[in-house]
Amino acid sequence: MAKITMTVNGRQVSGTCDDRTLLVHFIRENLGLTGTHVGCDTTQCGACVVHMDGQSVKSCSVLAAQAAGSAITTIEGLASNGELHPVQAAFKTYHGLQCGFCTPGMVMTAVDMIRRHGGNLDEATVRAELEGNICRCTGYHNIVQAILAAAAETGGARQAAE
């Protein structure tokens, strides 16, 4: 058993888990933060994306023990003072979700995408960057539009032709 400590959504947490426990399971089962979804457990779907030390990672590919000492942000950590994060708000406004299963991973990927690309973010880049995130409900059009709108709102995107 491993005893680990990390910062999750700005709060220091500790817990004990089996050495082979995946970060996604530690987040959900030990911390009770169920917004991070378990989809495939093989890094194919992207439903489990969180930010680890500021970068997006698929939490089903990281052992909880590997994340010890790291700063983790989950979907629950994006909203601030009861206000949705601009990407969350854009997903709501542009209906970038249907069943909602992939949404946490898509939002977390989008936040990181906007952080990394800023003013160079365009439709082609968004579509390429979403390749590791699967949505089985939509054709991605509304998801892409939501990400571009959020990037534009935060000062970082060129709008694609509709």
C-alpha atoms as a PDB file:
ATOM      1  CA  MET A   1       0.000   0.000   0.000  1.00  0.00           C
ATOM      2  CA  ALA A   2       1.161   3.488  -0.868  1.00  0.00           C
ATOM      3  CA  LYS A   3       0.458   6.565   1.222  1.00  0.00           C
ATOM      4  CA  ILE A   4       0.218   9.535  -1.090  1.00  0.00           C
ATOM      5  CA  THR A   5      -0.333  13.247  -0.700  1.00  0.00           C
ATOM      6  CA  MET A   6      -1.232  15.634  -3.509  1.00  0.00           C
ATOM      7  CA  THR A   7      -3.101  18.867  -4.041  1.00  0.00           C
ATOM      8  CA  VAL A   8      -6.480  18.359  -5.708  1.00  0.00           C
ATOM      9  CA  ASN A   9      -8.478  21.393  -6.783  1.00  0.00           C
ATOM     10  CA  GLY A  10      -6.379  23.583  -4.513  1.00  0.00           C
ATOM     11  CA  ARG A  11      -6.761  21.410  -1.426  1.00  0.00           C
ATOM     12  CA  GLN A  12      -4.083  19.128  -0.021  1.00  0.00           C
ATOM     13  CA  VAL A  13      -5.321  15.547   0.281  1.00  0.00           C
ATOM     14  CA  SER A  14      -3.770  12.323   1.486  1.00  0.00           C
ATOM     15  CA  GLY A  15      -4.784   8.741   1.169  1.00  0.00           C
ATOM     16  CA  THR A  16      -3.664   5.174   1.083  1.00  0.00           C
ATOM     17  CA  CYS A  17      -4.088   2.992  -1.958  1.00  0.00           C
ATOM     18  CA  ASP A  18      -2.731  -0.093  -3.609  1.00  0.00           C
ATOM     19  CA  ASP A  19       0.485   0.587  -5.542  1.00  0.00           C
ATOM     20  CA  ARG A  20      -1.272  -0.181  -8.836  1.00  0.00           C
ATOM     21  CA  THR A  21      -4.268   2.124  -8.261  1.00  0.00           C
ATOM     22  CA  LEU A  22      -4.849   4.401 -11.208  1.00  0.00           C
ATOM     23  CA  LEU A  23      -5.184   8.133 -10.584  1.00  0.00           C
ATOM     24  CA  VAL A  24      -8.733   8.090 -11.991  1.00  0.00           C
ATOM     25  CA  HIS A  25      -9.787   5.503  -9.403  1.00  0.00           C
ATOM     26  CA  PHE A  26      -8.031   7.355  -6.579  1.00  0.00           C
ATOM     27  CA  ILE A  27      -9.848  10.564  -7.546  1.00  0.00           C
ATOM     28  CA  ARG A  28     -13.234   8.873  -7.781  1.00  0.00           C
ATOM     29  CA  GLU A  29     -13.065   6.304  -4.996  1.00  0.00           C
ATOM     30  CA  ASN A  30     -10.759   7.823  -2.404  1.00  0.00           C
ATOM     31  CA  LEU A  31     -11.701  11.475  -2.892  1.00  0.00           C
ATOM     32  CA  GLY A  32     -15.328  11.064  -4.009  1.00  0.00           C
ATOM     33  CA  LEU A  33     -14.856  13.363  -7.019  1.00  0.00           C
ATOM     34  CA  THR A  34     -16.923  11.553  -9.617  1.00  0.00           C
ATOM     35  CA  GLY A  35     -16.844  14.171 -12.381  1.00  0.00           C
ATOM     36  CA  THR A  36     -13.765  12.491 -13.838  1.00  0.00           C
ATOM     37  CA  HIS A  37     -15.217   9.557 -15.754  1.00  0.00           C
ATOM     38  CA  VAL A  38     -13.869   6.067 -16.348  1.00  0.00           C
ATOM     39  CA  GLY A  39     -14.529   5.195 -19.966  1.00  0.00           C
ATOM     40  CA  CYS A  40     -12.126   2.715 -21.468  1.00  0.00           C
ATOM     41  CA  ASP A  41      -9.199   2.332 -19.026  1.00  0.00           C
ATOM     42  CA  THR A  42      -6.942   2.187 -22.113  1.00  0.00           C
ATOM     43  CA  THR A  43      -6.345   5.913 -22.892  1.00  0.00           C
ATOM     44  CA  GLN A  44      -8.561   5.745 -25.968  1.00  0.00           C
ATOM     45  CA  CYS A  45     -11.630   7.795 -24.985  1.00  0.00           C
ATOM     46  CA  GLY A  46     -10.408  10.830 -23.014  1.00  0.00           C
ATOM     47  CA  ALA A  47     -13.278  10.823 -20.494  1.00  0.00           C
ATOM     48  CA  CYS A  48     -10.750  10.750 -17.647  1.00  0.00           C
ATOM     49  CA  VAL A  49      -8.677  13.826 -18.571  1.00  0.00           C
ATOM     50  CA  VAL A  50      -7.494  15.919 -15.623  1.00  0.00           C
ATOM     51  CA  HIS A  51      -4.715  18.470 -15.296  1.00  0.00           C
ATOM     52  CA  MET A  52      -1.584  17.352 -13.494  1.00  0.00           C
ATOM     53  CA  ASP A  53       0.843  20.151 -12.712  1.00  0.00           C
ATOM     54  CA  GLY A  54      -0.903  22.282 -15.319  1.00  0.00           C
ATOM     55  CA  GLN A  55      -0.930  19.792 -18.190  1.00  0.00           C
ATOM     56  CA  SER A  56      -3.746  17.569 -19.344  1.00  0.00           C
ATOM     57  CA  VAL A  57      -3.250  13.854 -18.742  1.00  0.00           C
ATOM     58  CA  LYS A  58      -5.457  10.837 -19.100  1.00  0.00           C
ATOM     59  CA  SER A  59      -5.799   9.795 -15.482  1.00  0.00           C
ATOM     60  CA  CYS A  60      -6.355   6.162 -16.462  1.00  0.00           C
ATOM     61  CA  SER A  61      -2.736   6.060 -17.645  1.00  0.00           C
ATOM     62  CA  VAL A  62      -1.169   7.487 -14.470  1.00  0.00           C
ATOM     63  CA  LEU A  63      -0.730   5.616 -11.222  1.00  0.00           C
ATOM     64  CA  ALA A  64      -1.926   7.514  -8.168  1.00  0.00           C
ATOM     65  CA  ALA A  65       1.517   7.009  -6.625  1.00  0.00           C
ATOM     66  CA  GLN A  66       3.083   8.733  -9.667  1.00  0.00           C
ATOM     67  CA  ALA A  67       0.908  11.776  -8.968  1.00  0.00           C
ATOM     68  CA  ALA A  68       2.122  12.087  -5.360  1.00  0.00           C
ATOM     69  CA  GLY A  69       3.238  15.655  -4.729  1.00  0.00           C
ATOM     70  CA  SER A  70       1.490  16.927  -7.855  1.00  0.00           C
ATOM     71  CA  ALA A  71      -1.199  19.539  -8.251  1.00  0.00           C
ATOM     72  CA  ILE A  72      -4.284  17.950  -9.820  1.00  0.00           C
ATOM     73  CA  THR A  73      -7.268  19.834 -11.205  1.00  0.00           C
ATOM     74  CA  THR A  74     -10.443  17.927 -11.983  1.00  0.00           C
ATOM     75  CA  ILE A  75     -13.618  19.159 -13.660  1.00  0.00           C
ATOM     76  CA  GLU A  76     -14.938  20.016 -10.175  1.00  0.00           C
ATOM     77  CA  GLY A  77     -12.032  22.424  -9.707  1.00  0.00           C
ATOM     78  CA  LEU A  78     -12.721  24.625 -12.744  1.00  0.00           C
ATOM     79  CA  ALA A  79     -15.721  26.627 -11.534  1.00  0.00           C
ATOM     80  CA  SER A  80     -14.946  29.501  -9.206  1.00  0.00           C
ATOM     81  CA  ASN A  81     -17.247  31.199  -6.692  1.00  0.00           C
ATOM     82  CA  GLY A  82     -20.293  29.534  -8.213  1.00  0.00           C
ATOM     83  CA  GLU A  83     -19.408  30.744 -11.728  1.00  0.00           C
ATOM     84  CA  LEU A  84     -18.717  28.264 -14.502  1.00  0.00           C
ATOM     85  CA  HIS A  85     -15.300  28.367 -16.125  1.00  0.00           C
ATOM     86  CA  PRO A  86     -15.551  30.038 -19.572  1.00  0.00           C
ATOM     87  CA  VAL A  87     -15.120  26.665 -21.293  1.00  0.00           C
ATOM     88  CA  GLN A  88     -17.894  25.106 -19.187  1.00  0.00           C
ATOM     89  CA  ALA A  89     -20.149  28.075 -19.946  1.00  0.00           C
ATOM     90  CA  ALA A  90     -19.407  27.804 -23.671  1.00  0.00           C
ATOM     91  CA  PHE A  91     -20.241  24.077 -23.672  1.00  0.00           C
ATOM     92  CA  LYS A  92     -23.581  24.983 -22.096  1.00  0.00           C
ATOM     93  CA  THR A  93     -24.276  27.887 -24.470  1.00  0.00           C
ATOM     94  CA  TYR A  94     -23.244  26.060 -27.649  1.00  0.00           C
ATOM     95  CA  HIS A  95     -24.761  22.729 -26.583  1.00  0.00           C
ATOM     96  CA  GLY A  96     -21.376  21.046 -26.737  1.00  0.00           C
ATOM     97  CA  LEU A  97     -22.758  18.017 -24.935  1.00  0.00           C
ATOM     98  CA  GLN A  98     -25.558  15.534 -25.143  1.00  0.00           C
ATOM     99  CA  CYS A  99     -25.357  12.631 -22.730  1.00  0.00           C
ATOM    100  CA  GLY A 100     -22.524  14.360 -20.848  1.00  0.00           C
ATOM    101  CA  PHE A 101     -20.308  11.320 -20.381  1.00  0.00           C
ATOM    102  CA  CYS A 102     -17.397  12.681 -22.427  1.00  0.00           C
ATOM    103  CA  THR A 103     -17.947  16.295 -21.363  1.00  0.00           C
ATOM    104  CA  PRO A 104     -15.554  16.460 -18.370  1.00  0.00           C
ATOM    105  CA  GLY A 105     -12.684  15.129 -20.456  1.00  0.00           C
ATOM    106  CA  MET A 106     -13.566  17.358 -23.401  1.00  0.00           C
ATOM    107  CA  VAL A 107     -13.712  20.448 -21.172  1.00  0.00           C
ATOM    108  CA  MET A 108     -10.421  19.645 -19.452  1.00  0.00           C
ATOM    109  CA  THR A 109      -8.769  19.014 -22.826  1.00  0.00           C
ATOM    110  CA  ALA A 110     -10.187  22.296 -24.155  1.00  0.00           C
ATOM    111  CA  VAL A 111      -8.899  24.314 -21.189  1.00  0.00           C
ATOM    112  CA  ASP A 112      -5.403  22.937 -21.735  1.00  0.00           C
ATOM    113  CA  MET A 113      -5.684  23.443 -25.493  1.00  0.00           C
ATOM    114  CA  ILE A 114      -6.592  27.104 -25.055  1.00  0.00           C
ATOM    115  CA  ARG A 115      -3.778  27.549 -22.530  1.00  0.00           C
ATOM    116  CA  ARG A 116      -1.193  26.105 -24.925  1.00  0.00           C
ATOM    117  CA  HIS A 117      -2.339  27.551 -28.248  1.00  0.00           C
ATOM    118  CA  GLY A 118      -3.858  30.895 -27.265  1.00  0.00           C
ATOM    119  CA  GLY A 119      -4.129  33.119 -30.345  1.00  0.00           C
ATOM    120  CA  ASN A 120      -3.111  30.306 -32.703  1.00  0.00           C
ATOM    121  CA  LEU A 121      -6.199  28.224 -31.956  1.00  0.00           C
ATOM    122  CA  ASP A 122      -8.445  27.595 -34.954  1.00  0.00           C
ATOM    123  CA  GLU A 123     -10.957  24.958 -36.041  1.00  0.00           C
ATOM    124  CA  ALA A 124      -8.361  22.661 -37.621  1.00  0.00           C
ATOM    125  CA  THR A 125      -6.232  22.762 -34.470  1.00  0.00           C
ATOM    126  CA  VAL A 126      -9.221  22.073 -32.220  1.00  0.00           C
ATOM    127  CA  ARG A 127     -10.275  19.082 -34.317  1.00  0.00           C
ATOM    128  CA  ALA A 128      -6.725  17.694 -34.347  1.00  0.00           C
ATOM    129  CA  GLU A 129      -6.321  18.170 -30.590  1.00  0.00           C
ATOM    130  CA  LEU A 130      -9.631  16.414 -29.857  1.00  0.00           C
ATOM    131  CA  GLU A 131      -8.449  13.256 -31.594  1.00  0.00           C
ATOM    132  CA  GLY A 132      -7.861  11.510 -28.251  1.00  0.00           C
ATOM    133  CA  ASN A 133     -11.369  12.318 -26.962  1.00  0.00           C
ATOM    134  CA  ILE A 134     -14.338  10.308 -28.137  1.00  0.00           C
ATOM    135  CA  CYS A 135     -17.946  11.499 -28.157  1.00  0.00           C
ATOM    136  CA  ARG A 136     -20.464   8.943 -29.317  1.00  0.00           C
ATOM    137  CA  CYS A 137     -23.434  11.344 -29.380  1.00  0.00           C
ATOM    138  CA  THR A 138     -22.415  14.261 -31.595  1.00  0.00           C
ATOM    139  CA  GLY A 139     -20.578  15.068 -34.793  1.00  0.00           C
ATOM    140  CA  TYR A 140     -18.236  17.312 -32.754  1.00  0.00           C
ATOM    141  CA  HIS A 141     -19.470  20.492 -34.488  1.00  0.00           C
ATOM    142  CA  ASN A 142     -20.966  21.998 -31.315  1.00  0.00           C
ATOM    143  CA  ILE A 143     -17.991  20.906 -29.220  1.00  0.00           C
ATOM    144  CA  VAL A 144     -15.601  22.629 -31.634  1.00  0.00           C
ATOM    145  CA  GLN A 145     -17.751  25.766 -31.712  1.00  0.00           C
ATOM    146  CA  ALA A 146     -17.887  25.845 -27.902  1.00  0.00           C
ATOM    147  CA  ILE A 147     -14.096  25.591 -27.645  1.00  0.00           C
ATOM    148  CA  LEU A 148     -13.554  28.313 -30.237  1.00  0.00           C
ATOM    149  CA  ALA A 149     -16.088  30.570 -28.503  1.00  0.00           C
ATOM    150  CA  ALA A 150     -14.409  30.054 -25.123  1.00  0.00           C
ATOM    151  CA  ALA A 151     -11.011  30.727 -26.648  1.00  0.00           C
ATOM    152  CA  ALA A 152     -12.324  33.917 -28.275  1.00  0.00           C
ATOM    153  CA  GLU A 153     -13.882  35.036 -24.984  1.00  0.00           C
ATOM    154  CA  THR A 154     -10.596  34.547 -23.194  1.00  0.00           C
ATOM    155  CA  GLY A 155      -8.705  36.237 -26.015  1.00  0.00           C
ATOM    156  CA  GLY A 156      -7.237  33.269 -27.791  1.00  0.00           C
ATOM    157  CA  ALA A 157      -8.979  32.069 -30.955  1.00  0.00           C
ATOM    158  CA  ARG A 158      -9.595  32.821 -34.580  1.00  0.00           C
ATOM    159  CA  GLN A 159     -13.220  31.985 -35.386  1.00  0.00           C
ATOM    160  CA  ALA A 160     -13.705  29.337 -38.042  1.00  0.00           C
ATOM    161  CA  ALA A 161     -16.068  29.810 -40.941  1.00  0.00           C
ATOM    162  CA  GLU A 162     -19.438  28.307 -40.140  1.00  0.00           C
END
